[in-house]
C-alpha atoms as a PDB file:
ATOM      1  CA  MET A   1       0.000   0.000   0.000  1.00  0.00           C
ATOM      2  CA  MET A   2       1.310   3.455  -0.931  1.00  0.00           C
ATOM      3  CA  LYS A   3       2.291   5.573   2.054  1.00  0.00           C
ATOM      4  CA  GLU A   4       0.428   8.820   2.638  1.00  0.00           C
ATOM      5  CA  GLN A   5       2.248  11.879   1.286  1.00  0.00           C
ATOM      6  CA  ILE A   6       2.982  13.687   4.538  1.00  0.00           C
ATOM      7  CA  THR A   7       4.702  17.070   4.647  1.00  0.00           C
ATOM      8  CA  PRO A   8       8.234  16.579   6.038  1.00  0.00           C
ATOM      9  CA  GLU A   9       8.347  17.516   9.738  1.00  0.00           C
ATOM     10  CA  PHE A  10      11.171  20.037   9.413  1.00  0.00           C
ATOM     11  CA  LEU A  11       9.260  21.863   6.652  1.00  0.00           C
ATOM     12  CA  PHE A  12       6.222  22.137   8.895  1.00  0.00           C
ATOM     13  CA  LEU A  13       8.070  23.154  12.076  1.00  0.00           C
ATOM     14  CA  HIS A  14      10.311  25.697  10.401  1.00  0.00           C
ATOM     15  CA  ARG A  15       8.087  26.844   7.565  1.00  0.00           C
ATOM     16  CA  ARG A  16       8.096  30.557   8.480  1.00  0.00           C
ATOM     17  CA  GLU A  17      11.865  30.691   8.814  1.00  0.00           C
ATOM     18  CA  LEU A  18      12.381  28.803   5.572  1.00  0.00           C
ATOM     19  CA  ILE A  19       9.981  31.021   3.642  1.00  0.00           C
ATOM     20  CA  GLN A  20      11.733  34.135   4.942  1.00  0.00           C
ATOM     21  CA  LYS A  21      15.070  32.796   3.744  1.00  0.00           C
ATOM     22  CA  GLY A  22      13.674  31.748   0.364  1.00  0.00           C
ATOM     23  CA  PHE A  23      14.741  28.192   1.147  1.00  0.00           C
ATOM     24  CA  LEU A  24      11.629  26.563  -0.264  1.00  0.00           C
ATOM     25  CA  LEU A  25      12.330  27.834  -3.749  1.00  0.00           C
ATOM     26  CA  GLY A  26      15.715  26.132  -3.763  1.00  0.00           C
ATOM     27  CA  MET A  27      14.284  22.905  -2.405  1.00  0.00           C
ATOM     28  CA  ALA A  28      11.669  22.597  -5.160  1.00  0.00           C
ATOM     29  CA  SER A  29      14.005  20.340  -7.106  1.00  0.00           C
ATOM     30  CA  VAL A  30      14.530  18.025  -4.124  1.00  0.00           C
ATOM     31  CA  PHE A  31      10.981  17.372  -2.949  1.00  0.00           C
ATOM     32  CA  PRO A  32       8.161  16.082  -5.148  1.00  0.00           C
ATOM     33  CA  LYS A  33       5.674  18.413  -6.814  1.00  0.00           C
ATOM     34  CA  TRP A  34       2.918  17.667  -4.287  1.00  0.00           C
ATOM     35  CA  ALA A  35       5.000  19.363  -1.578  1.00  0.00           C
ATOM     36  CA  PHE A  36       4.704  22.695  -3.389  1.00  0.00           C
ATOM     37  CA  GLY A  37       1.766  22.287  -5.761  1.00  0.00           C
ATOM     38  CA  ALA A  38       1.220  23.263  -9.392  1.00  0.00           C
ATOM     39  CA  THR A  39      -0.810  26.265  -8.279  1.00  0.00           C
ATOM     40  CA  SER A  40       1.679  27.930  -5.925  1.00  0.00           C
ATOM     41  CA  PHE A  41       2.005  31.738  -5.889  1.00  0.00           C
ATOM     42  CA  PRO A  42       3.954  33.679  -6.853  1.00  0.00           C
ATOM     43  CA  ALA A  43       4.760  31.656  -9.967  1.00  0.00           C
ATOM     44  CA  LYS A  44       7.945  31.818 -11.973  1.00  0.00           C
ATOM     45  CA  LYS A  45       8.003  34.668 -14.500  1.00  0.00           C
ATOM     46  CA  ASN A  46       8.215  33.783 -18.166  1.00  0.00           C
ATOM     47  CA  GLU A  47      10.740  36.395 -19.343  1.00  0.00           C
ATOM     48  CA  LYS A  48       9.579  35.999 -22.943  1.00  0.00           C
ATOM     49  CA  TYR A  49       6.389  37.764 -21.917  1.00  0.00           C
ATOM     50  CA  GLY A  50       7.669  40.752 -19.964  1.00  0.00           C
ATOM     51  CA  LEU A  51       6.501  44.362 -20.311  1.00  0.00           C
ATOM     52  CA  PRO A  52       5.387  44.484 -23.962  1.00  0.00           C
ATOM     53  CA  ASP A  53       6.690  48.022 -24.580  1.00  0.00           C
ATOM     54  CA  LYS A  54       9.352  50.143 -22.883  1.00  0.00           C
ATOM     55  CA  ASP A  55       6.894  53.040 -22.683  1.00  0.00           C
ATOM     56  CA  LEU A  56       4.270  50.979 -20.854  1.00  0.00           C
ATOM     57  CA  VAL A  57       3.997  50.429 -17.117  1.00  0.00           C
ATOM     58  CA  LEU A  58       1.988  47.910 -15.153  1.00  0.00           C
ATOM     59  CA  THR A  59      -1.485  49.039 -14.232  1.00  0.00           C
ATOM     60  CA  LYS A  60      -1.739  49.506 -10.488  1.00  0.00           C
ATOM     61  CA  GLU A  61      -3.248  46.474  -8.814  1.00  0.00           C
ATOM     62  CA  ASP A  62      -5.948  48.419  -6.986  1.00  0.00           C
ATOM     63  CA  VAL A  63      -7.091  49.908 -10.313  1.00  0.00           C
ATOM     64  CA  ALA A  64      -7.146  46.602 -12.218  1.00  0.00           C
ATOM     65  CA  THR A  65      -9.079  44.898  -9.430  1.00  0.00           C
ATOM     66  CA  SER A  66     -11.685  47.623  -8.916  1.00  0.00           C
ATOM     67  CA  TYR A  67     -12.650  48.555 -12.500  1.00  0.00           C
ATOM     68  CA  ASN A  68     -14.333  45.452 -13.835  1.00  0.00           C
ATOM     69  CA  ASN A  69     -16.971  44.351 -16.308  1.00  0.00           C
ATOM     70  CA  PHE A  70     -18.881  41.410 -14.870  1.00  0.00           C
ATOM     71  CA  TYR A  71     -22.520  41.847 -15.883  1.00  0.00           C
ATOM     72  CA  GLU A  72     -23.616  38.794 -13.924  1.00  0.00           C
ATOM     73  CA  PHE A  73     -23.100  40.965 -10.831  1.00  0.00           C
ATOM     74  CA  SER A  74     -23.565  44.561 -11.996  1.00  0.00           C
ATOM     75  CA  LEU A  75     -23.556  46.866 -15.009  1.00  0.00           C
ATOM     76  CA  GLU A  76     -21.526  49.353 -12.997  1.00  0.00           C
ATOM     77  CA  LYS A  77     -17.795  48.627 -13.016  1.00  0.00           C
ATOM     78  CA  GLY A  78     -17.223  50.237  -9.640  1.00  0.00           C
ATOM     79  CA  GLU A  79     -19.896  48.056  -8.015  1.00  0.00           C
ATOM     80  CA  VAL A  80     -18.632  44.666  -9.163  1.00  0.00           C
ATOM     81  CA  LYS A  81     -15.955  44.286  -6.500  1.00  0.00           C
ATOM     82  CA  THR A  82     -18.473  44.963  -3.728  1.00  0.00           C
ATOM     83  CA  LYS A  83     -21.144  42.735  -5.249  1.00  0.00           C
ATOM     84  CA  VAL A  84     -18.883  39.700  -5.659  1.00  0.00           C
ATOM     85  CA  GLU A  85     -17.794  39.843  -2.017  1.00  0.00           C
ATOM     86  CA  LYS A  86     -21.134  38.210  -1.210  1.00  0.00           C
ATOM     87  CA  TRP A  87     -20.188  35.276  -3.455  1.00  0.00           C
ATOM     88  CA  ASN A  88     -18.800  32.675  -1.095  1.00  0.00           C
ATOM     89  CA  PHE A  89     -17.111  29.857  -2.971  1.00  0.00           C
ATOM     90  CA  ASN A  90     -14.281  27.424  -2.357  1.00  0.00           C
ATOM     91  CA  SER A  91     -11.976  27.114  -5.358  1.00  0.00           C
ATOM     92  CA  LYS A  92     -11.074  23.565  -4.271  1.00  0.00           C
ATOM     93  CA  ASP A  93     -14.675  22.532  -4.954  1.00  0.00           C
ATOM     94  CA  TRP A  94     -14.835  24.278  -8.352  1.00  0.00           C
ATOM     95  CA  LYS A  95     -15.132  21.840 -11.254  1.00  0.00           C
ATOM     96  CA  ILE A  96     -14.518  22.375 -14.962  1.00  0.00           C
ATOM     97  CA  GLU A  97     -16.293  19.957 -17.297  1.00  0.00           C
ATOM     98  CA  ILE A  98     -14.316  18.928 -20.392  1.00  0.00           C
ATOM     99  CA  SER A  99     -16.636  17.602 -23.102  1.00  0.00           C
ATOM    100  CA  GLY A 100     -17.290  17.221 -26.811  1.00  0.00           C
ATOM    101  CA  LEU A 101     -14.848  15.993 -29.439  1.00  0.00           C
ATOM    102  CA  VAL A 102     -12.030  15.124 -27.069  1.00  0.00           C
ATOM    103  CA  GLU A 103     -10.653  11.921 -25.571  1.00  0.00           C
ATOM    104  CA  LYS A 104     -10.132  12.954 -21.936  1.00  0.00           C
ATOM    105  CA  LYS A 105     -13.693  13.903 -20.996  1.00  0.00           C
ATOM    106  CA  LYS A 106     -14.301  14.426 -17.296  1.00  0.00           C
ATOM    107  CA  SER A 107     -14.759  17.083 -14.620  1.00  0.00           C
ATOM    108  CA  TYR A 108     -11.473  18.463 -13.350  1.00  0.00           C
ATOM    109  CA  SER A 109     -10.579  20.626 -10.395  1.00  0.00           C
ATOM    110  CA  VAL A 110      -8.600  23.818 -10.999  1.00  0.00           C
ATOM    111  CA  GLU A 111      -5.476  22.216  -9.553  1.00  0.00           C
ATOM    112  CA  GLU A 112      -5.898  19.110 -11.711  1.00  0.00           C
ATOM    113  CA  LEU A 113      -6.018  21.264 -14.852  1.00  0.00           C
ATOM    114  CA  CYS A 114      -2.944  23.218 -13.742  1.00  0.00           C
ATOM    115  CA  GLU A 115      -1.021  20.006 -13.082  1.00  0.00           C
ATOM    116  CA  LEU A 116      -2.163  18.467 -16.361  1.00  0.00           C
ATOM    117  CA  ALA A 117      -0.875  21.561 -18.161  1.00  0.00           C
ATOM    118  CA  GLY A 118       2.484  21.322 -16.399  1.00  0.00           C
ATOM    119  CA  GLY A 119       2.063  24.092 -13.838  1.00  0.00           C
ATOM    120  CA  ILE A 120       1.624  27.846 -13.901  1.00  0.00           C
ATOM    121  CA  GLU A 121       3.787  30.815 -14.847  1.00  0.00           C
ATOM    122  CA  GLU A 122       3.543  34.604 -14.861  1.00  0.00           C
ATOM    123  CA  ARG A 123       3.168  36.605 -18.068  1.00  0.00           C
ATOM    124  CA  ILE A 124       2.633  40.324 -18.613  1.00  0.00           C
ATOM    125  CA  TYR A 125       0.086  41.166 -21.321  1.00  0.00           C
ATOM    126  CA  ARG A 126      -1.620  44.212 -22.712  1.00  0.00           C
ATOM    127  CA  PHE A 127      -5.374  44.131 -22.137  1.00  0.00           C
ATOM    128  CA  ARG A 128      -7.714  46.093 -24.438  1.00  0.00           C
ATOM    129  CA  CYS A 129     -11.437  46.470 -23.738  1.00  0.00           C
ATOM    130  CA  VAL A 130     -13.912  46.952 -26.574  1.00  0.00           C
ATOM    131  CA  GLU A 131     -14.982  50.105 -24.701  1.00  0.00           C
ATOM    132  CA  ALA A 132     -11.633  51.679 -25.726  1.00  0.00           C
ATOM    133  CA  TRP A 133      -9.736  51.512 -22.431  1.00  0.00           C
ATOM    134  CA  SER A 134      -6.640  49.456 -21.723  1.00  0.00           C
ATOM    135  CA  MET A 135      -4.464  47.997 -18.981  1.00  0.00           C
ATOM    136  CA  VAL A 136      -1.167  46.142 -18.637  1.00  0.00           C
ATOM    137  CA  VAL A 137      -1.588  43.120 -16.349  1.00  0.00           C
ATOM    138  CA  PRO A 138       0.738  40.458 -14.906  1.00  0.00           C
ATOM    139  CA  TRP A 139      -1.342  37.289 -15.252  1.00  0.00           C
ATOM    140  CA  THR A 140      -0.524  33.917 -13.725  1.00  0.00           C
ATOM    141  CA  GLY A 141      -1.738  30.776 -15.448  1.00  0.00           C
ATOM    142  CA  PHE A 142      -0.894  28.147 -18.060  1.00  0.00           C
ATOM    143  CA  PRO A 143      -0.877  28.162 -21.876  1.00  0.00           C
ATOM    144  CA  LEU A 144      -4.115  26.628 -23.075  1.00  0.00           C
ATOM    145  CA  ALA A 145      -2.206  24.747 -25.784  1.00  0.00           C
ATOM    146  CA  ARG A 146      -0.397  22.649 -23.163  1.00  0.00           C
ATOM    147  CA  LEU A 147      -3.715  21.574 -21.682  1.00  0.00           C
ATOM    148  CA  ILE A 148      -5.296  20.839 -25.063  1.00  0.00           C
ATOM    149  CA  GLU A 149      -2.393  18.593 -26.014  1.00  0.00           C
ATOM    150  CA  LYS A 150      -3.005  16.504 -22.896  1.00  0.00           C
ATOM    151  CA  LEU A 151      -6.782  16.401 -23.416  1.00  0.00           C
ATOM    152  CA  LYS A 152      -6.288  15.025 -26.963  1.00  0.00           C
ATOM    153  CA  PRO A 153      -9.052  16.572 -29.097  1.00  0.00           C
ATOM    154  CA  LYS A 154     -10.303  14.521 -32.027  1.00  0.00           C
ATOM    155  CA  SER A 155      -9.334  15.467 -35.577  1.00  0.00           C
ATOM    156  CA  SER A 156     -12.899  16.665 -36.191  1.00  0.00           C
ATOM    157  CA  ALA A 157     -12.653  19.349 -33.482  1.00  0.00           C
ATOM    158  CA  LYS A 158     -12.430  22.835 -35.020  1.00  0.00           C
ATOM    159  CA  PHE A 159     -13.572  25.124 -32.203  1.00  0.00           C
ATOM    160  CA  VAL A 160     -13.408  25.409 -28.419  1.00  0.00           C
ATOM    161  CA  LYS A 161     -16.445  26.673 -26.516  1.00  0.00           C
ATOM    162  CA  PHE A 162     -16.233  28.090 -22.985  1.00  0.00           C
ATOM    163  CA  GLN A 163     -19.071  28.590 -20.511  1.00  0.00           C
ATOM    164  CA  SER A 164     -19.279  30.494 -17.258  1.00  0.00           C
ATOM    165  CA  PHE A 165     -21.472  29.595 -14.278  1.00  0.00           C
ATOM    166  CA  SER A 166     -25.245  29.695 -14.739  1.00  0.00           C
ATOM    167  CA  ASP A 167     -26.491  29.974 -11.142  1.00  0.00           C
ATOM    168  CA  GLN A 168     -28.534  33.159 -10.752  1.00  0.00           C
ATOM    169  CA  LYS A 169     -28.162  32.855  -7.001  1.00  0.00           C
ATOM    170  CA  ILE A 170     -24.474  33.598  -7.590  1.00  0.00           C
ATOM    171  CA  GLY A 171     -24.866  36.128 -10.400  1.00  0.00           C
ATOM    172  CA  SER A 172     -27.416  38.308  -8.671  1.00  0.00           C
ATOM    173  CA  ASN A 173     -27.784  40.614 -11.679  1.00  0.00           C
ATOM    174  CA  MET A 174     -28.580  37.895 -14.206  1.00  0.00           C
ATOM    175  CA  SER A 175     -32.295  37.944 -13.435  1.00  0.00           C
ATOM    176  CA  GLU A 176     -32.260  41.717 -14.042  1.00  0.00           C
ATOM    177  CA  LEU A 177     -31.122  41.096 -17.626  1.00  0.00           C
ATOM    178  CA  PRO A 178     -33.539  38.449 -18.950  1.00  0.00           C
ATOM    179  CA  GLN A 179     -32.826  39.525 -22.551  1.00  0.00           C
ATOM    180  CA  TYR A 180     -29.249  38.249 -22.223  1.00  0.00           C
ATOM    181  CA  PRO A 181     -28.721  34.644 -23.411  1.00  0.00           C
ATOM    182  CA  TRP A 182     -27.232  33.393 -20.139  1.00  0.00           C
ATOM    183  CA  PRO A 183     -25.005  31.673 -19.240  1.00  0.00           C
ATOM    184  CA  TYR A 184     -22.062  33.663 -20.601  1.00  0.00           C
ATOM    185  CA  THR A 185     -20.414  31.734 -23.418  1.00  0.00           C
ATOM    186  CA  GLU A 186     -17.395  32.411 -25.595  1.00  0.00           C
ATOM    187  CA  GLY A 187     -15.441  30.558 -28.231  1.00  0.00           C
ATOM    188  CA  LEU A 188     -12.194  30.306 -30.170  1.00  0.00           C
ATOM    189  CA  THR A 189     -11.104  28.412 -33.215  1.00  0.00           C
ATOM    190  CA  LEU A 190      -8.915  25.488 -32.247  1.00  0.00           C
ATOM    191  CA  ALA A 191      -5.997  27.259 -33.938  1.00  0.00           C
ATOM    192  CA  GLU A 192      -6.563  30.350 -31.768  1.00  0.00           C
ATOM    193  CA  ALA A 193      -6.826  28.211 -28.652  1.00  0.00           C
ATOM    194  CA  MET A 194      -3.512  26.552 -29.553  1.00  0.00           C
ATOM    195  CA  ASN A 195      -1.706  29.851 -30.131  1.00  0.00           C
ATOM    196  CA  PRO A 196       1.128  30.258 -27.582  1.00  0.00           C
ATOM    197  CA  LEU A 197      -0.358  33.565 -26.333  1.00  0.00           C
ATOM    198  CA  THR A 198      -3.657  32.036 -25.231  1.00  0.00           C
ATOM    199  CA  LEU A 199      -3.646  31.677 -21.465  1.00  0.00           C
ATOM    200  CA  ILE A 200      -5.912  30.200 -18.827  1.00  0.00           C
ATOM    201  CA  ALA A 201      -5.368  32.542 -15.891  1.00  0.00           C
ATOM    202  CA  THR A 202      -5.669  31.497 -12.267  1.00  0.00           C
ATOM    203  CA  GLY A 203      -4.073  34.605 -10.796  1.00  0.00           C
ATOM    204  CA  MET A 204      -2.805  38.141 -11.273  1.00  0.00           C
ATOM    205  CA  TYR A 205      -0.239  40.341  -9.526  1.00  0.00           C
ATOM    206  CA  GLY A 206       1.376  37.263  -8.008  1.00  0.00           C
ATOM    207  CA  LYS A 207      -1.787  36.203  -6.178  1.00  0.00           C
ATOM    208  CA  THR A 208      -4.814  34.039  -6.810  1.00  0.00           C
ATOM    209  CA  LEU A 209      -7.359  35.555  -9.167  1.00  0.00           C
ATOM    210  CA  PRO A 210      -9.798  37.932  -7.398  1.00  0.00           C
ATOM    211  CA  LYS A 211     -13.465  37.077  -7.756  1.00  0.00           C
ATOM    212  CA  GLN A 212     -14.241  40.288  -9.641  1.00  0.00           C
ATOM    213  CA  ASN A 213     -11.558  39.427 -12.204  1.00  0.00           C
ATOM    214  CA  GLY A 214     -12.959  35.977 -12.932  1.00  0.00           C
ATOM    215  CA  ALA A 215     -11.942  33.575 -10.174  1.00  0.00           C
ATOM    216  CA  PRO A 216     -11.045  30.798 -10.025  1.00  0.00           C
ATOM    217  CA  LEU A 217      -9.957  30.696 -13.672  1.00  0.00           C
ATOM    218  CA  ARG A 218     -10.565  32.718 -16.824  1.00  0.00           C
ATOM    219  CA  LEU A 219      -9.463  32.902 -20.424  1.00  0.00           C
ATOM    220  CA  VAL A 220      -6.935  35.560 -21.537  1.00  0.00           C
ATOM    221  CA  THR A 221      -6.480  36.306 -25.264  1.00  0.00           C
ATOM    222  CA  PRO A 222      -4.489  39.561 -25.365  1.00  0.00           C
ATOM    223  CA  TRP A 223      -4.908  40.282 -29.091  1.00  0.00           C
ATOM    224  CA  LYS A 224      -8.713  40.257 -28.765  1.00  0.00           C
ATOM    225  CA  TYR A 225     -11.128  42.615 -27.056  1.00  0.00           C
ATOM    226  CA  GLY A 226     -11.569  41.847 -23.376  1.00  0.00           C
ATOM    227  CA  PHE A 227     -15.099  40.431 -23.591  1.00  0.00           C
ATOM    228  CA  LYS A 228     -13.608  37.359 -25.286  1.00  0.00           C
ATOM    229  CA  SER A 229     -11.690  36.568 -22.083  1.00  0.00           C
ATOM    230  CA  ILE A 230     -14.550  34.751 -20.368  1.00  0.00           C
ATOM    231  CA  LYS A 231     -14.495  34.616 -16.561  1.00  0.00           C
ATOM    232  CA  SER A 232     -15.256  31.918 -13.996  1.00  0.00           C
ATOM    233  CA  ILE A 233     -15.188  29.041 -16.481  1.00  0.00           C
ATOM    234  CA  VAL A 234     -17.146  25.872 -15.672  1.00  0.00           C
ATOM    235  CA  LYS A 235     -17.215  24.128 -19.074  1.00  0.00           C
ATOM    236  CA  ILE A 236     -14.802  23.694 -21.981  1.00  0.00           C
ATOM    237  CA  GLU A 237     -16.256  21.915 -25.018  1.00  0.00           C
ATOM    238  CA  PHE A 238     -14.537  20.853 -28.236  1.00  0.00           C
ATOM    239  CA  THR A 239     -16.836  21.074 -31.252  1.00  0.00           C
ATOM    240  CA  ASP A 240     -16.877  21.043 -35.053  1.00  0.00           C
ATOM    241  CA  VAL A 241     -19.350  23.951 -35.210  1.00  0.00           C
ATOM    242  CA  GLN A 242     -18.589  27.607 -34.516  1.00  0.00           C
ATOM    243  CA  PRO A 243     -20.153  28.171 -31.092  1.00  0.00           C
ATOM    244  CA  LYS A 244     -22.715  30.852 -30.402  1.00  0.00           C
ATOM    245  CA  THR A 245     -21.378  33.381 -27.938  1.00  0.00           C
ATOM    246  CA  LEU A 246     -23.272  35.712 -25.634  1.00  0.00           C
ATOM    247  CA  TRP A 247     -22.244  39.017 -27.191  1.00  0.00           C
ATOM    248  CA  SER A 248     -22.330  37.910 -30.832  1.00  0.00           C
ATOM    249  CA  SER A 249     -25.818  36.497 -30.195  1.00  0.00           C
ATOM    250  CA  LEU A 250     -27.040  39.593 -28.363  1.00  0.00           C
ATOM    251  CA  ALA A 251     -25.646  42.226 -30.755  1.00  0.00           C
ATOM    252  CA  PRO A 252     -24.034  40.622 -33.838  1.00  0.00           C
ATOM    253  CA  ALA A 253     -23.582  43.971 -35.602  1.00  0.00           C
ATOM    254  CA  GLU A 254     -21.420  45.211 -32.724  1.00  0.00           C
ATOM    255  CA  TYR A 255     -19.609  42.117 -31.413  1.00  0.00           C
ATOM    256  CA  GLY A 256     -18.273  39.571 -33.872  1.00  0.00           C
ATOM    257  CA  PHE A 257     -17.028  36.094 -33.105  1.00  0.00           C
ATOM    258  CA  TYR A 258     -13.351  36.885 -33.682  1.00  0.00           C
ATOM    259  CA  ALA A 259     -13.365  40.330 -32.015  1.00  0.00           C
ATOM    260  CA  ASN A 260      -9.704  41.027 -32.782  1.00  0.00           C
ATOM    261  CA  VAL A 261      -8.404  44.433 -31.713  1.00  0.00           C
ATOM    262  CA  ASN A 262      -8.399  46.561 -34.872  1.00  0.00           C
ATOM    263  CA  PRO A 263      -7.964  50.350 -34.775  1.00  0.00           C
ATOM    264  CA  GLN A 264      -9.255  50.634 -38.351  1.00  0.00           C
ATOM    265  CA  VAL A 265     -12.678  49.157 -37.588  1.00  0.00           C
ATOM    266  CA  ASP A 266     -14.751  51.354 -35.323  1.00  0.00           C
ATOM    267  CA  HIS A 267     -17.440  50.133 -32.983  1.00  0.00           C
ATOM    268  CA  PRO A 268     -20.817  51.392 -34.300  1.00  0.00           C
ATOM    269  CA  ARG A 269     -20.978  53.793 -31.347  1.00  0.00           C
ATOM    270  CA  TRP A 270     -17.343  54.900 -30.869  1.00  0.00           C
ATOM    271  CA  SER A 271     -13.902  54.969 -32.452  1.00  0.00           C
ATOM    272  CA  GLN A 272     -11.354  52.227 -31.843  1.00  0.00           C
ATOM    273  CA  ALA A 273      -8.427  54.276 -33.149  1.00  0.00           C
ATOM    274  CA  THR A 274      -7.230  55.261 -29.661  1.00  0.00           C
ATOM    275  CA  GLU A 275      -7.606  53.962 -26.125  1.00  0.00           C
ATOM    276  CA  ARG A 276      -7.688  55.365 -22.611  1.00  0.00           C
ATOM    277  CA  ILE A 277      -4.847  54.028 -20.477  1.00  0.00           C
ATOM    278  CA  LEU A 278      -6.489  52.932 -17.260  1.00  0.00           C
ATOM    279  CA  ASP A 279      -4.886  54.454 -14.185  1.00  0.00           C
ATOM    280  CA  SER A 280      -5.914  56.314 -11.041  1.00  0.00           C
ATOM    281  CA  SER A 281      -5.813  59.826 -12.566  1.00  0.00           C
ATOM    282  CA  PHE A 282      -8.935  61.839 -13.259  1.00  0.00           C
ATOM    283  CA  PHE A 283      -7.915  62.488 -16.867  1.00  0.00           C
ATOM    284  CA  PRO A 284      -6.008  59.399 -18.017  1.00  0.00           C
ATOM    285  CA  LYS A 285      -3.803  59.542 -21.082  1.00  0.00           C
ATOM    286  CA  ARG A 286      -4.804  58.170 -24.454  1.00  0.00           C
ATOM    287  CA  LYS A 287      -2.621  56.377 -26.945  1.00  0.00           C
ATOM    288  CA  PRO A 288      -3.076  54.991 -30.461  1.00  0.00           C
ATOM    289  CA  THR A 289      -4.457  51.459 -30.551  1.00  0.00           C
ATOM    290  CA  LEU A 290      -2.214  48.876 -32.182  1.00  0.00           C
ATOM    291  CA  MET A 291      -3.370  46.241 -34.654  1.00  0.00           C
ATOM    292  CA  PHE A 292      -4.054  43.002 -32.754  1.00  0.00           C
ATOM    293  CA  ASN A 293      -3.259  45.029 -29.624  1.00  0.00           C
ATOM    294  CA  GLY A 294       0.436  44.881 -30.473  1.00  0.00           C
ATOM    295  CA  TYR A 295       0.585  41.106 -31.052  1.00  0.00           C
ATOM    296  CA  GLU A 296       0.400  41.167 -34.848  1.00  0.00           C
ATOM    297  CA  LYS A 297       3.564  39.102 -35.372  1.00  0.00           C
ATOM    298  CA  GLU A 298       2.250  36.336 -33.125  1.00  0.00           C
ATOM    299  CA  VAL A 299      -1.309  36.030 -34.479  1.00  0.00           C
ATOM    300  CA  ALA A 300      -1.712  37.603 -37.935  1.00  0.00           C
ATOM    301  CA  ASP A 301      -1.192  34.267 -39.701  1.00  0.00           C
ATOM    302  CA  LEU A 302      -4.333  32.942 -38.021  1.00  0.00           C
ATOM    303  CA  TYR A 303      -6.478  35.272 -40.129  1.00  0.00           C
ATOM    304  CA  LYS A 304      -5.057  34.956 -43.638  1.00  0.00           C
ATOM    305  CA  GLY A 305      -7.862  35.273 -46.150  1.00  0.00           C
ATOM    306  CA  LEU A 306     -10.166  37.207 -43.832  1.00  0.00           C
ATOM    307  CA  ASP A 307     -11.131  40.772 -44.678  1.00  0.00           C
ATOM    308  CA  LEU A 308      -9.888  42.556 -41.566  1.00  0.00           C
ATOM    309  CA  ALA A 309     -11.898  45.642 -42.470  1.00  0.00           C
ATOM    310  CA  LYS A 310     -15.041  43.746 -41.474  1.00  0.00           C
ATOM    311  CA  ASN A 311     -16.371  43.140 -38.005  1.00  0.00           C
ATOM    312  CA  TYR A 312     -16.054  39.425 -37.453  1.00  0.00           C
END
């Protein structure tokens, strides 16, 4: 019979001292992964994805965690943080159902997905909202491609569909918006999902993901408008049909399926040529918006043959 995996006594008795001395980081190669976990914070930084531009600075944490779109809780960005505080959930009990055209169908915990994907890392990405404001955020998570490789989608799979929670007892504002096709759904082509930039985030600013930012895990696609980065994911489905998404179903003339950042294609109600840099000042600066939010080299090949002047 396999022995129980018990934390070594000296680690337990001297844990505070060892943490202060940074000893645990050096011992990670000596003790097995269960002693530290695939979800430990802060995670190692991936230097390939540092500050994307020398003129950019990280958005202050208190700004990025208090200015949030999460319509399930409120239409007012400043209210979301307060509203989600009433949401009492245990991330250890959170399950993500993997289904559709894939071999490894089952419900996974957040930690199981992180371990299956080989652990988490920190990356700094630009973030551009369709409402023409932007941030620069240090996300922690794992590349979705690493997870997909382990899940083994079938050759017929062409798209990946994501779904958020559907409990209106949690999303107290959902019943106030009956015209919305809840639950929140989003989708990517399989090629987009496999792009190295695509991240499943479990944290930000070196900590676990706050509830208002999409805890316990969310999608991050930095070359797309922010509404594509679905929060609080409970289902990931592999399909051969382009999935219907909440915003493209609700207002197809305004929110296309691809929703790539494009300064040359305006929203029907405002320009996308520039963006407001989110910070704590009363009159934040604006800057020109970059094609694909500055990630053109990494993703442009995904859209060969598409007319980028159209709203997809």
